Structure formats: structure tokens, C-alpha cells
Amino acid sequence: MLYKLFKSISSESDFEALLKLTFTDHERAMMQERWRIFDALNRGLSQREVSKEVPCSVVTATRGAKVYRENKEEIDRFLPAWRAD
């Protein structure tokens, strides 16, 4: 059901509107933070370096690193789209 909802979006402005309706400001910021962490880890930064670049706590960088390690192939498949901005 959510797939069909998100698939129906045809513009960036509609996507932003849907995100604002679905997630709080904090939740949206956390999603962006997570993908900045994935990007930094993919570029070979250490967790401490990630925490300085993103910026976030070392604990947050460590949590992101765990998710990245466990899902590296799938995350790496989406990173080019993340970087296309």
C-alpha cells in the first residue's frame, strides 16, 4: 500500500508534501542524517570522522555503521541517487 502511494508521486514538490504529511521534521532530519552517514562510510571515513563531517554523535555514527555493514550492497545501490543532488 505505501509502495503505491509513493509510486504515485510525479514531482519533487509532491514528494516533499507527502514526506511532510507522513513524517515529523525530526524524523525527516534523521533520515537525511542516516544517508549522509552511509555516504561518508562508503567513502571510507572512520566513525569518528563521520561524526565530525555529518555532524552527529559517535554513537549515531556507530549505529549507522552497523546498518551499513549489514546492508552494504543494497545501500550502495541507492547511493548514486543520493549523490545526484
Protein backbone atom coordinates (compact mmCIF):
# COMPACT_ATOMS: atom_id res chain seq x y z
CA MET A 1 0.00 0.00 0.00
CA LEU A 2 2.76 2.51 0.87
CA TYR A 3 4.64 1.49 -2.26
CA LYS A 4 1.66 2.50 -4.42
CA LEU A 5 1.32 5.78 -2.52
CA PHE A 6 4.98 6.72 -3.03
CA LYS A 7 4.99 5.40 -6.61
CA SER A 8 2.09 7.73 -7.47
CA ILE A 9 4.26 10.80 -6.84
CA SER A 10 5.25 12.56 -10.04
CA SER A 11 7.13 15.63 -8.80
CA GLU A 12 9.64 16.60 -6.16
CA SER A 13 7.20 19.10 -4.66
CA ASP A 14 4.54 16.38 -4.27
CA PHE A 15 7.17 14.12 -2.71
CA GLU A 16 8.13 16.84 -0.22
CA ALA A 17 4.46 17.41 0.60
CA LEU A 18 3.92 13.69 1.23
CA LEU A 19 7.02 13.50 3.44
CA LYS A 20 5.77 16.46 5.48
CA LEU A 21 2.39 14.79 5.92
CA THR A 22 3.93 11.43 6.84
CA PHE A 23 6.98 12.29 8.96
CA THR A 24 7.81 14.90 11.58
CA ASP A 25 10.58 17.43 10.95
CA HIS A 26 12.77 15.40 13.31
CA GLU A 27 12.08 12.12 11.50
CA ARG A 28 12.91 13.67 8.12
CA ALA A 29 16.13 15.11 9.53
CA MET A 30 17.07 11.71 10.95
CA MET A 31 16.55 10.05 7.54
CA GLN A 32 18.80 12.62 5.86
CA GLU A 33 21.38 12.21 8.61
CA ARG A 34 21.37 8.42 8.14
CA TRP A 35 22.03 8.74 4.40
CA ARG A 36 24.83 11.27 4.99
CA ILE A 37 26.36 8.71 7.36
CA PHE A 38 26.05 5.94 4.73
CA ASP A 39 27.65 8.20 2.13
CA ALA A 40 30.58 9.07 4.40
CA LEU A 41 31.14 5.44 5.35
CA ASN A 42 31.05 4.43 1.69
CA ARG A 43 33.79 6.99 1.03
CA GLY A 44 35.93 5.26 3.66
CA LEU A 45 35.62 7.64 6.60
CA SER A 46 36.00 6.26 10.11
CA GLN A 47 33.11 6.55 12.53
CA ARG A 48 34.86 9.42 14.31
CA GLU A 49 35.40 11.22 11.00
CA VAL A 50 31.75 10.60 10.10
CA SER A 51 30.60 12.11 13.40
CA LYS A 52 32.56 15.29 12.61
CA GLU A 53 31.51 15.56 8.97
CA VAL A 54 27.79 14.84 9.29
CA PRO A 55 27.76 16.17 12.22
CA CYS A 56 26.36 13.64 14.67
CA SER A 57 27.39 11.81 17.81
CA VAL A 58 29.85 8.92 17.59
CA VAL A 59 27.04 6.69 18.89
CA THR A 60 24.81 7.73 15.96
CA ALA A 61 27.68 7.13 13.52
CA THR A 62 28.26 3.70 15.10
CA ARG A 63 24.58 2.77 14.71
CA GLY A 64 24.67 3.90 11.11
CA ALA A 65 27.88 1.92 10.52
CA LYS A 66 26.22 -1.23 11.84
CA VAL A 67 23.28 -0.81 9.46
CA TYR A 68 25.70 -0.02 6.63
CA ARG A 69 27.80 -3.15 7.27
CA GLU A 70 24.71 -5.35 7.41
CA ASN A 71 23.18 -3.87 4.22
CA LYS A 72 26.18 -2.57 2.26
CA GLU A 73 25.22 -3.92 -1.18
CA GLU A 74 21.69 -2.60 -1.02
CA ILE A 75 22.72 0.80 0.40
CA ASP A 76 25.49 1.16 -2.19
CA ARG A 77 22.89 0.55 -4.91
CA PHE A 78 20.95 3.66 -3.76
CA LEU A 79 23.92 5.96 -3.05
CA PRO A 80 24.30 7.20 -6.66
CA ALA A 81 20.74 8.56 -6.48
CA TRP A 82 21.55 10.17 -3.11
CA ARG A 83 24.65 11.81 -4.59
CA ALA A 84 22.87 13.02 -7.74
CA ASP A 85 21.53 16.07 -5.93
